[in-house]
Amino acid sequence: MFFLIAGVSPRTKIVDQTPRRCPVCGLHQAYYQRVDHYFNLFFIPLVRVKKGEPFLMCERCGKPVDEFSRNFTTDQDETGLLCRHCGNPVNRGFKYCPSCGRKI
């Protein structure tokens, strides 16, 4: 008798190591990542069966970022708050100013 253990599992790969600013938390900890699916035989990935599309994911807050959309989350609104250091507008919930990087 012979048992065969096979399947398909996802693997996340960082495509670009350059950190980008996360519009959700305001820190430079978002990286381009891609989820590829691999065929496994006895829990060893052998062949990539599906290549994923790159997306921006923040390491700090763990949220995917849609950089082409102005409305990133529904619970964070533009409040009209200004950074006391540089004077640029800041979203509610940011702990650091996205323009100057100083703590709010």
PDB file of N, CA and C in Angstrom:
ATOM      1  N   MET A   1       0.833  -1.162   0.000  1.00  0.00           N
ATOM      2  CA  MET A   1       0.000   0.000   0.000  1.00  0.00           C
ATOM      3  C   MET A   1       0.890   1.242   0.000  1.00  0.00           C
ATOM      4  N   PHE A   2       0.478   2.253  -0.770  1.00  0.00           N
ATOM      5  CA  PHE A   2       1.265   3.472  -0.929  1.00  0.00           C
ATOM      6  C   PHE A   2       0.366   4.680  -0.698  1.00  0.00           C
ATOM      7  N   PHE A   3       0.831   5.602   0.140  1.00  0.00           N
ATOM      8  CA  PHE A   3       0.086   6.836   0.407  1.00  0.00           C
ATOM      9  C   PHE A   3       0.787   8.001  -0.275  1.00  0.00           C
ATOM     10  N   LEU A   4      -0.006   8.844  -0.857  1.00  0.00           N
ATOM     11  CA  LEU A   4       0.518  10.023  -1.532  1.00  0.00           C
ATOM     12  C   LEU A   4      -0.111  11.251  -0.883  1.00  0.00           C
ATOM     13  N   ILE A   5       0.733  12.132  -0.385  1.00  0.00           N
ATOM     14  CA  ILE A   5       0.254  13.368   0.228  1.00  0.00           C
ATOM     15  C   ILE A   5       0.649  14.511  -0.696  1.00  0.00           C
ATOM     16  N   ALA A   6      -0.367  15.130  -1.312  1.00  0.00           N
ATOM     17  CA  ALA A   6      -0.117  16.217  -2.261  1.00  0.00           C
ATOM     18  C   ALA A   6      -1.173  17.297  -2.068  1.00  0.00           C
ATOM     19  N   GLY A   7      -0.858  18.486  -2.545  1.00  0.00           N
ATOM     20  CA  GLY A   7      -1.809  19.580  -2.450  1.00  0.00           C
ATOM     21  C   GLY A   7      -1.211  20.866  -2.979  1.00  0.00           C
ATOM     22  N   VAL A   8      -1.990  21.931  -2.875  1.00  0.00           N
ATOM     23  CA  VAL A   8      -1.555  23.253  -3.309  1.00  0.00           C
ATOM     24  C   VAL A   8      -1.618  24.173  -2.098  1.00  0.00           C
ATOM     25  N   SER A   9      -0.537  24.925  -1.878  1.00  0.00           N
ATOM     26  CA  SER A   9      -0.508  25.836  -0.730  1.00  0.00           C
ATOM     27  C   SER A   9       0.050  27.192  -1.148  1.00  0.00           C
ATOM     28  N   PRO A  10      -0.402  28.261  -0.483  1.00  0.00           N
ATOM     29  CA  PRO A  10       0.089  29.605  -0.819  1.00  0.00           C
ATOM     30  C   PRO A  10       1.402  29.918  -0.117  1.00  0.00           C
ATOM     31  N   ARG A  11       2.219  30.722  -0.762  1.00  0.00           N
ATOM     32  CA  ARG A  11       3.471  31.229  -0.186  1.00  0.00           C
ATOM     33  C   ARG A  11       3.549  32.715  -0.480  1.00  0.00           C
ATOM     34  N   THR A  12       3.825  33.509   0.558  1.00  0.00           N
ATOM     35  CA  THR A  12       3.960  34.946   0.397  1.00  0.00           C
ATOM     36  C   THR A  12       5.417  35.293   0.183  1.00  0.00           C
ATOM     37  N   LYS A  13       5.664  36.102  -0.850  1.00  0.00           N
ATOM     38  CA  LYS A  13       7.021  36.488  -1.195  1.00  0.00           C
ATOM     39  C   LYS A  13       7.086  38.007  -1.274  1.00  0.00           C
ATOM     40  N   ILE A  14       8.109  38.612  -0.652  1.00  0.00           N
ATOM     41  CA  ILE A  14       8.317  40.048  -0.747  1.00  0.00           C
ATOM     42  C   ILE A  14       9.008  40.332  -2.075  1.00  0.00           C
ATOM     43  N   VAL A  15       8.349  41.121  -2.924  1.00  0.00           N
ATOM     44  CA  VAL A  15       8.844  41.396  -4.270  1.00  0.00           C
ATOM     45  C   VAL A  15       9.881  42.514  -4.253  1.00  0.00           C
ATOM     46  N   ASP A  16       9.610  43.574  -3.476  1.00  0.00           N
ATOM     47  CA  ASP A  16      10.488  44.735  -3.435  1.00  0.00           C
ATOM     48  C   ASP A  16      10.831  45.040  -1.982  1.00  0.00           C
ATOM     49  N   GLN A  17      12.117  45.126  -1.664  1.00  0.00           N
ATOM     50  CA  GLN A  17      12.578  45.366  -0.298  1.00  0.00           C
ATOM     51  C   GLN A  17      12.571  46.836   0.103  1.00  0.00           C
ATOM     52  N   THR A  18      12.178  47.727  -0.808  1.00  0.00           N
ATOM     53  CA  THR A  18      12.148  49.155  -0.507  1.00  0.00           C
ATOM     54  C   THR A  18      10.914  49.478   0.326  1.00  0.00           C
ATOM     55  N   PRO A  19      11.087  49.988   1.553  1.00  0.00           N
ATOM     56  CA  PRO A  19       9.903  50.313   2.366  1.00  0.00           C
ATOM     57  C   PRO A  19       9.187  51.542   1.830  1.00  0.00           C
ATOM     58  N   ARG A  20       7.865  51.497   1.851  1.00  0.00           N
ATOM     59  CA  ARG A  20       7.036  52.602   1.402  1.00  0.00           C
ATOM     60  C   ARG A  20       6.139  53.049   2.558  1.00  0.00           C
ATOM     61  N   ARG A  21       5.625  54.282   2.457  1.00  0.00           N
ATOM     62  CA  ARG A  21       4.792  54.814   3.528  1.00  0.00           C
ATOM     63  C   ARG A  21       3.405  54.188   3.462  1.00  0.00           C
ATOM     64  N   CYS A  22       2.953  53.696   4.601  1.00  0.00           N
ATOM     65  CA  CYS A  22       1.610  53.135   4.718  1.00  0.00           C
ATOM     66  C   CYS A  22       0.638  54.271   4.994  1.00  0.00           C
ATOM     67  N   PRO A  23      -0.381  54.451   4.159  1.00  0.00           N
ATOM     68  CA  PRO A  23      -1.329  55.530   4.408  1.00  0.00           C
ATOM     69  C   PRO A  23      -2.271  55.242   5.569  1.00  0.00           C
ATOM     70  N   VAL A  24      -2.317  54.009   6.051  1.00  0.00           N
ATOM     71  CA  VAL A  24      -3.192  53.670   7.161  1.00  0.00           C
ATOM     72  C   VAL A  24      -2.555  54.062   8.492  1.00  0.00           C
ATOM     73  N   CYS A  25      -1.302  53.640   8.731  1.00  0.00           N
ATOM     74  CA  CYS A  25      -0.644  53.953  10.009  1.00  0.00           C
ATOM     75  C   CYS A  25       0.375  55.083   9.890  1.00  0.00           C
ATOM     76  N   GLY A  26       0.804  55.440   8.672  1.00  0.00           N
ATOM     77  CA  GLY A  26       1.704  56.562   8.471  1.00  0.00           C
ATOM     78  C   GLY A  26       3.180  56.236   8.576  1.00  0.00           C
ATOM     79  N   LEU A  27       3.548  54.979   8.782  1.00  0.00           N
ATOM     80  CA  LEU A  27       4.957  54.599   8.908  1.00  0.00           C
ATOM     81  C   LEU A  27       5.478  54.006   7.606  1.00  0.00           C
ATOM     82  N   HIS A  28       6.778  54.049   7.430  1.00  0.00           N
ATOM     83  CA  HIS A  28       7.417  53.483   6.231  1.00  0.00           C
ATOM     84  C   HIS A  28       7.721  52.006   6.467  1.00  0.00           C
ATOM     85  N   GLN A  29       6.666  51.180   6.508  1.00  0.00           N
ATOM     86  CA  GLN A  29       6.842  49.750   6.709  1.00  0.00           C
ATOM     87  C   GLN A  29       5.956  48.938   5.779  1.00  0.00           C
ATOM     88  N   ALA A  30       5.589  49.490   4.642  1.00  0.00           N
ATOM     89  CA  ALA A  30       4.784  48.767   3.661  1.00  0.00           C
ATOM     90  C   ALA A  30       5.707  48.274   2.543  1.00  0.00           C
ATOM     91  N   TYR A  31       5.535  47.011   2.171  1.00  0.00           N
ATOM     92  CA  TYR A  31       6.366  46.383   1.144  1.00  0.00           C
ATOM     93  C   TYR A  31       5.469  45.746   0.091  1.00  0.00           C
ATOM     94  N   TYR A  32       5.971  45.709  -1.167  1.00  0.00           N
ATOM     95  CA  TYR A  32       5.259  44.991  -2.208  1.00  0.00           C
ATOM     96  C   TYR A  32       5.456  43.499  -2.000  1.00  0.00           C
ATOM     97  N   GLN A  33       4.336  42.782  -1.928  1.00  0.00           N
ATOM     98  CA  GLN A  33       4.355  41.338  -1.728  1.00  0.00           C
ATOM     99  C   GLN A  33       3.506  40.669  -2.798  1.00  0.00           C
ATOM    100  N   ARG A  34       3.698  39.365  -2.927  1.00  0.00           N
ATOM    101  CA  ARG A  34       2.949  38.577  -3.892  1.00  0.00           C
ATOM    102  C   ARG A  34       2.666  37.213  -3.274  1.00  0.00           C
ATOM    103  N   VAL A  35       1.468  36.692  -3.489  1.00  0.00           N
ATOM    104  CA  VAL A  35       1.109  35.361  -2.987  1.00  0.00           C
ATOM    105  C   VAL A  35       1.102  34.410  -4.173  1.00  0.00           C
ATOM    106  N   ASP A  36       2.048  33.473  -4.168  1.00  0.00           N
ATOM    107  CA  ASP A  36       2.135  32.448  -5.206  1.00  0.00           C
ATOM    108  C   ASP A  36       1.625  31.126  -4.638  1.00  0.00           C
ATOM    109  N   HIS A  37       1.003  30.312  -5.491  1.00  0.00           N
ATOM    110  CA  HIS A  37       0.508  28.999  -5.070  1.00  0.00           C
ATOM    111  C   HIS A  37       1.426  27.927  -5.654  1.00  0.00           C
ATOM    112  N   TYR A  38       1.843  26.986  -4.811  1.00  0.00           N
ATOM    113  CA  TYR A  38       2.770  25.926  -5.199  1.00  0.00           C
ATOM    114  C   TYR A  38       2.125  24.555  -5.017  1.00  0.00           C
ATOM    115  N   PHE A  39       2.446  23.651  -5.944  1.00  0.00           N
ATOM    116  CA  PHE A  39       2.059  22.254  -5.801  1.00  0.00           C
ATOM    117  C   PHE A  39       3.041  21.592  -4.839  1.00  0.00           C
ATOM    118  N   ASN A  40       2.514  20.957  -3.786  1.00  0.00           N
ATOM    119  CA  ASN A  40       3.345  20.291  -2.775  1.00  0.00           C
ATOM    120  C   ASN A  40       3.218  18.786  -2.885  1.00  0.00           C
ATOM    121  N   LEU A  41       4.320  18.134  -2.694  1.00  0.00           N
ATOM    122  CA  LEU A  41       4.341  16.674  -2.610  1.00  0.00           C
ATOM    123  C   LEU A  41       5.065  16.319  -1.328  1.00  0.00           C
ATOM    124  N   PHE A  42       4.362  15.696  -0.402  1.00  0.00           N
ATOM    125  CA  PHE A  42       4.883  15.391   0.931  1.00  0.00           C
ATOM    126  C   PHE A  42       5.390  16.662   1.620  1.00  0.00           C
ATOM    127  N   PHE A  43       4.581  17.742   1.532  1.00  0.00           N
ATOM    128  CA  PHE A  43       4.830  19.034   2.183  1.00  0.00           C
ATOM    129  C   PHE A  43       6.072  19.763   1.652  1.00  0.00           C
ATOM    130  N   ILE A  44       6.558  19.377   0.495  1.00  0.00           N
ATOM    131  CA  ILE A  44       7.696  20.046  -0.138  1.00  0.00           C
ATOM    132  C   ILE A  44       7.181  20.756  -1.385  1.00  0.00           C
ATOM    133  N   PRO A  45       7.323  22.107  -1.455  1.00  0.00           N
ATOM    134  CA  PRO A  45       6.853  22.809  -2.648  1.00  0.00           C
ATOM    135  C   PRO A  45       7.717  22.467  -3.858  1.00  0.00           C
ATOM    136  N   LEU A  46       7.068  22.016  -4.923  1.00  0.00           N
ATOM    137  CA  LEU A  46       7.799  21.577  -6.111  1.00  0.00           C
ATOM    138  C   LEU A  46       7.647  22.543  -7.282  1.00  0.00           C
ATOM    139  N   VAL A  47       6.409  22.880  -7.627  1.00  0.00           N
ATOM    140  CA  VAL A  47       6.154  23.654  -8.836  1.00  0.00           C
ATOM    141  C   VAL A  47       5.170  24.781  -8.510  1.00  0.00           C
ATOM    142  N   ARG A  48       5.471  25.989  -9.010  1.00  0.00           N
ATOM    143  CA  ARG A  48       4.522  27.088  -8.855  1.00  0.00           C
ATOM    144  C   ARG A  48       3.415  26.900  -9.884  1.00  0.00           C
ATOM    145  N   VAL A  49       2.169  26.833  -9.404  1.00  0.00           N
ATOM    146  CA  VAL A  49       1.040  26.630 -10.305  1.00  0.00           C
ATOM    147  C   VAL A  49       0.288  27.924 -10.595  1.00  0.00           C
ATOM    148  N   LYS A  50       0.428  28.933  -9.716  1.00  0.00           N
ATOM    149  CA  LYS A  50      -0.243  30.206  -9.948  1.00  0.00           C
ATOM    150  C   LYS A  50       0.612  31.329  -9.384  1.00  0.00           C
ATOM    151  N   LYS A  51       0.882  32.317 -10.230  1.00  0.00           N
ATOM    152  CA  LYS A  51       1.650  33.481  -9.809  1.00  0.00           C
ATOM    153  C   LYS A  51       0.675  34.588  -9.440  1.00  0.00           C
ATOM    154  N   GLY A  52       0.818  35.135  -8.245  1.00  0.00           N
ATOM    155  CA  GLY A  52      -0.089  36.172  -7.772  1.00  0.00           C
ATOM    156  C   GLY A  52       0.289  37.552  -8.268  1.00  0.00           C
ATOM    157  N   GLU A  53      -0.624  38.492  -8.064  1.00  0.00           N
ATOM    158  CA  GLU A  53      -0.402  39.885  -8.422  1.00  0.00           C
ATOM    159  C   GLU A  53       0.249  40.611  -7.248  1.00  0.00           C
ATOM    160  N   PRO A  54       1.209  41.498  -7.489  1.00  0.00           N
ATOM    161  CA  PRO A  54       1.832  42.235  -6.394  1.00  0.00           C
ATOM    162  C   PRO A  54       0.853  43.220  -5.742  1.00  0.00           C
ATOM    163  N   PHE A  55       0.957  43.346  -4.435  1.00  0.00           N
ATOM    164  CA  PHE A  55       0.152  44.296  -3.689  1.00  0.00           C
ATOM    165  C   PHE A  55       1.009  44.856  -2.565  1.00  0.00           C
ATOM    166  N   LEU A  56       0.595  45.985  -2.041  1.00  0.00           N
ATOM    167  CA  LEU A  56       1.332  46.670  -0.987  1.00  0.00           C
ATOM    168  C   LEU A  56       0.731  46.280   0.359  1.00  0.00           C
ATOM    169  N   MET A  57       1.566  45.726   1.253  1.00  0.00           N
ATOM    170  CA  MET A  57       1.098  45.269   2.559  1.00  0.00           C
ATOM    171  C   MET A  57       1.978  45.871   3.638  1.00  0.00           C
ATOM    172  N   CYS A  58       1.351  46.429   4.662  1.00  0.00           N
ATOM    173  CA  CYS A  58       2.085  47.049   5.756  1.00  0.00           C
ATOM    174  C   CYS A  58       2.463  45.989   6.789  1.00  0.00           C
ATOM    175  N   GLU A  59       3.731  45.962   7.167  1.00  0.00           N
ATOM    176  CA  GLU A  59       4.206  45.020   8.175  1.00  0.00           C
ATOM    177  C   GLU A  59       3.744  45.416   9.573  1.00  0.00           C
ATOM    178  N   ARG A  60       3.588  46.711   9.817  1.00  0.00           N
ATOM    179  CA  ARG A  60       3.233  47.204  11.146  1.00  0.00           C
ATOM    180  C   ARG A  60       1.763  46.963  11.474  1.00  0.00           C
ATOM    181  N   CYS A  61       0.871  47.472  10.616  1.00  0.00           N
ATOM    182  CA  CYS A  61      -0.557  47.353  10.921  1.00  0.00           C
ATOM    183  C   CYS A  61      -1.186  46.107  10.304  1.00  0.00           C
ATOM    184  N   GLY A  62      -0.488  45.448   9.371  1.00  0.00           N
ATOM    185  CA  GLY A  62      -0.980  44.202   8.791  1.00  0.00           C
ATOM    186  C   GLY A  62      -2.122  44.367   7.812  1.00  0.00           C
ATOM    187  N   LYS A  63      -2.293  45.572   7.271  1.00  0.00           N
ATOM    188  CA  LYS A  63      -3.387  45.814   6.345  1.00  0.00           C
ATOM    189  C   LYS A  63      -2.854  46.000   4.928  1.00  0.00           C
ATOM    190  N   PRO A  64      -3.565  45.458   3.927  1.00  0.00           N
ATOM    191  CA  PRO A  64      -3.178  45.740   2.542  1.00  0.00           C
ATOM    192  C   PRO A  64      -3.502  47.185   2.203  1.00  0.00           C
ATOM    193  N   VAL A  65      -2.693  47.776   1.356  1.00  0.00           N
ATOM    194  CA  VAL A  65      -2.826  49.195   1.037  1.00  0.00           C
ATOM    195  C   VAL A  65      -3.203  49.336  -0.427  1.00  0.00           C
ATOM    196  N   ASP A  66      -4.252  50.096  -0.693  1.00  0.00           N
ATOM    197  CA  ASP A  66      -4.629  50.417  -2.050  1.00  0.00           C
ATOM    198  C   ASP A  66      -4.113  51.818  -2.317  1.00  0.00           C
ATOM    199  N   GLU A  67      -2.945  51.910  -2.974  1.00  0.00           N
ATOM    200  CA  GLU A  67      -2.303  53.205  -3.123  1.00  0.00           C
ATOM    201  C   GLU A  67      -2.962  54.093  -4.173  1.00  0.00           C
ATOM    202  N   PHE A  68      -3.891  53.563  -4.971  1.00  0.00           N
ATOM    203  CA  PHE A  68      -4.549  54.377  -5.979  1.00  0.00           C
ATOM    204  C   PHE A  68      -5.853  54.967  -5.478  1.00  0.00           C
ATOM    205  N   SER A  69      -6.290  54.572  -4.292  1.00  0.00           N
ATOM    206  CA  SER A  69      -7.543  55.053  -3.737  1.00  0.00           C
ATOM    207  C   SER A  69      -7.287  56.106  -2.671  1.00  0.00           C
ATOM    208  N   ARG A  70      -8.092  57.137  -2.639  1.00  0.00           N
ATOM    209  CA  ARG A  70      -7.937  58.177  -1.622  1.00  0.00           C
ATOM    210  C   ARG A  70      -8.543  57.721  -0.302  1.00  0.00           C
ATOM    211  N   ASN A  71      -9.611  56.933  -0.342  1.00  0.00           N
ATOM    212  CA  ASN A  71     -10.263  56.464   0.872  1.00  0.00           C
ATOM    213  C   ASN A  71      -9.673  55.113   1.257  1.00  0.00           C
ATOM    214  N   PHE A  72      -8.746  55.085   2.189  1.00  0.00           N
ATOM    215  CA  PHE A  72      -8.041  53.857   2.529  1.00  0.00           C
ATOM    216  C   PHE A  72      -8.853  52.987   3.471  1.00  0.00           C
ATOM    217  N   THR A  73      -9.462  53.564   4.487  1.00  0.00           N
ATOM    218  CA  THR A  73     -10.328  52.816   5.389  1.00  0.00           C
ATOM    219  C   THR A  73     -11.575  53.638   5.642  1.00  0.00           C
ATOM    220  N   THR A  74     -12.643  52.961   5.998  1.00  0.00           N
ATOM    221  CA  THR A  74     -13.891  53.669   6.211  1.00  0.00           C
ATOM    222  C   THR A  74     -13.951  54.349   7.569  1.00  0.00           C
ATOM    223  N   ASP A  75     -13.167  53.897   8.536  1.00  0.00           N
ATOM    224  CA  ASP A  75     -13.249  54.474   9.871  1.00  0.00           C
ATOM    225  C   ASP A  75     -12.291  55.638  10.083  1.00  0.00           C
ATOM    226  N   GLN A  76     -11.429  55.943   9.125  1.00  0.00           N
ATOM    227  CA  GLN A  76     -10.516  57.073   9.268  1.00  0.00           C
ATOM    228  C   GLN A  76     -10.935  58.173   8.301  1.00  0.00           C
ATOM    229  N   ASP A  77     -11.403  59.265   8.843  1.00  0.00           N
ATOM    230  CA  ASP A  77     -11.856  60.384   8.028  1.00  0.00           C
ATOM    231  C   ASP A  77     -10.842  61.504   8.090  1.00  0.00           C
ATOM    232  N   GLU A  78     -10.907  62.372   7.071  1.00  0.00           N
ATOM    233  CA  GLU A  78     -10.118  63.596   7.121  1.00  0.00           C
ATOM    234  C   GLU A  78     -10.747  64.470   8.193  1.00  0.00           C
ATOM    235  N   THR A  79      -9.995  64.844   9.206  1.00  0.00           N
ATOM    236  CA  THR A  79     -10.562  65.610  10.306  1.00  0.00           C
ATOM    237  C   THR A  79     -10.171  67.071  10.264  1.00  0.00           C
ATOM    238  N   GLY A  80      -9.281  67.435   9.375  1.00  0.00           N
ATOM    239  CA  GLY A  80      -8.846  68.814   9.335  1.00  0.00           C
ATOM    240  C   GLY A  80      -7.748  69.105  10.341  1.00  0.00           C
ATOM    241  N   LEU A  81      -7.225  68.058  11.000  1.00  0.00           N
ATOM    242  CA  LEU A  81      -6.125  68.256  11.930  1.00  0.00           C
ATOM    243  C   LEU A  81      -4.863  68.593  11.150  1.00  0.00           C
ATOM    244  N   LEU A  82      -4.077  69.468  11.708  1.00  0.00           N
ATOM    245  CA  LEU A  82      -2.816  69.846  11.077  1.00  0.00           C
ATOM    246  C   LEU A  82      -1.663  69.439  11.977  1.00  0.00           C
ATOM    247  N   CYS A  83      -0.563  69.014  11.346  1.00  0.00           N
ATOM    248  CA  CYS A  83       0.644  68.685  12.095  1.00  0.00           C
ATOM    249  C   CYS A  83       1.200  69.977  12.701  1.00  0.00           C
ATOM    250  N   ARG A  84       1.536  69.923  13.974  1.00  0.00           N
ATOM    251  CA  ARG A  84       2.040  71.133  14.633  1.00  0.00           C
ATOM    252  C   ARG A  84       3.468  71.467  14.218  1.00  0.00           C
ATOM    253  N   HIS A  85       4.168  70.517  13.572  1.00  0.00           N
ATOM    254  CA  HIS A  85       5.550  70.752  13.159  1.00  0.00           C
ATOM    255  C   HIS A  85       5.649  71.299  11.736  1.00  0.00           C
ATOM    256  N   CYS A  86       4.895  70.674  10.795  1.00  0.00           N
ATOM    257  CA  CYS A  86       5.016  71.093   9.394  1.00  0.00           C
ATOM    258  C   CYS A  86       3.754  71.737   8.840  1.00  0.00           C
ATOM    259  N   GLY A  87       2.607  71.571   9.513  1.00  0.00           N
ATOM    260  CA  GLY A  87       1.371  72.207   9.072  1.00  0.00           C
ATOM    261  C   GLY A  87       0.575  71.451   8.029  1.00  0.00           C
ATOM    262  N   ASN A  88       0.994  70.242   7.653  1.00  0.00           N
ATOM    263  CA  ASN A  88       0.252  69.456   6.670  1.00  0.00           C
ATOM    264  C   ASN A  88      -0.915  68.731   7.326  1.00  0.00           C
ATOM    265  N   PRO A  89      -2.007  68.455   6.560  1.00  0.00           N
ATOM    266  CA  PRO A  89      -3.153  67.748   7.146  1.00  0.00           C
ATOM    267  C   PRO A  89      -2.790  66.312   7.515  1.00  0.00           C
ATOM    268  N   VAL A  90      -3.395  65.844   8.610  1.00  0.00           N
ATOM    269  CA  VAL A  90      -3.112  64.504   9.150  1.00  0.00           C
ATOM    270  C   VAL A  90      -4.441  63.804   9.413  1.00  0.00           C
ATOM    271  N   ASN A  91      -4.552  62.533   9.043  1.00  0.00           N
ATOM    272  CA  ASN A  91      -5.753  61.749   9.323  1.00  0.00           C
ATOM    273  C   ASN A  91      -5.844  61.390  10.791  1.00  0.00           C
ATOM    274  N   ARG A  92      -7.061  61.225  11.265  1.00  0.00           N
ATOM    275  CA  ARG A  92      -7.264  60.769  12.633  1.00  0.00           C
ATOM    276  C   ARG A  92      -6.740  59.338  12.753  1.00  0.00           C
ATOM    277  N   GLY A  93      -6.074  59.021  13.814  1.00  0.00           N
ATOM    278  CA  GLY A  93      -5.519  57.690  14.019  1.00  0.00           C
ATOM    279  C   GLY A  93      -4.046  57.586  13.687  1.00  0.00           C
ATOM    280  N   PHE A  94      -3.499  58.543  12.955  1.00  0.00           N
ATOM    281  CA  PHE A  94      -2.066  58.530  12.676  1.00  0.00           C
ATOM    282  C   PHE A  94      -1.315  58.887  13.947  1.00  0.00           C
ATOM    283  N   LYS A  95      -0.240  58.204  14.194  1.00  0.00           N
ATOM    284  CA  LYS A  95       0.606  58.517  15.344  1.00  0.00           C
ATOM    285  C   LYS A  95       1.805  59.355  14.929  1.00  0.00           C
ATOM    286  N   TYR A  96       2.135  59.298  13.643  1.00  0.00           N
ATOM    287  CA  TYR A  96       3.252  60.060  13.090  1.00  0.00           C
ATOM    288  C   TYR A  96       2.769  60.807  11.866  1.00  0.00           C
ATOM    289  N   CYS A  97       3.322  61.968  11.632  1.00  0.00           N
ATOM    290  CA  CYS A  97       2.963  62.762  10.456  1.00  0.00           C
ATOM    291  C   CYS A  97       3.546  62.094   9.204  1.00  0.00           C
ATOM    292  N   PRO A  98       2.732  61.864   8.161  1.00  0.00           N
ATOM    293  CA  PRO A  98       3.259  61.244   6.948  1.00  0.00           C
ATOM    294  C   PRO A  98       4.188  62.155   6.161  1.00  0.00           C
ATOM    295  N   SER A  99       4.137  63.462   6.406  1.00  0.00           N
ATOM    296  CA  SER A  99       4.985  64.388   5.658  1.00  0.00           C
ATOM    297  C   SER A  99       6.363  64.573   6.302  1.00  0.00           C
ATOM    298  N   CYS A 100       6.377  64.875   7.603  1.00  0.00           N
ATOM    299  CA  CYS A 100       7.655  65.162   8.248  1.00  0.00           C
ATOM    300  C   CYS A 100       8.176  63.991   9.102  1.00  0.00           C
ATOM    301  N   GLY A 101       7.299  63.049   9.467  1.00  0.00           N
ATOM    302  CA  GLY A 101       7.730  61.877  10.226  1.00  0.00           C
ATOM    303  C   GLY A 101       7.791  62.068  11.717  1.00  0.00           C
ATOM    304  N   ARG A 102       7.423  63.226  12.210  1.00  0.00           N
ATOM    305  CA  ARG A 102       7.484  63.474  13.654  1.00  0.00           C
ATOM    306  C   ARG A 102       6.218  62.961  14.338  1.00  0.00           C
ATOM    307  N   LYS A 103       6.336  62.672  15.623  1.00  0.00           N
ATOM    308  CA  LYS A 103       5.214  62.178  16.402  1.00  0.00           C
ATOM    309  C   LYS A 103       4.190  63.289  16.607  1.00  0.00           C
ATOM    310  N   ILE A 104       2.938  62.933  16.443  1.00  0.00           N
ATOM    311  CA  ILE A 104       1.850  63.906  16.570  1.00  0.00           C
ATOM    312  C   ILE A 104       1.471  64.057  18.040  1.00  0.00           C
TER     313      ILE A 104
END
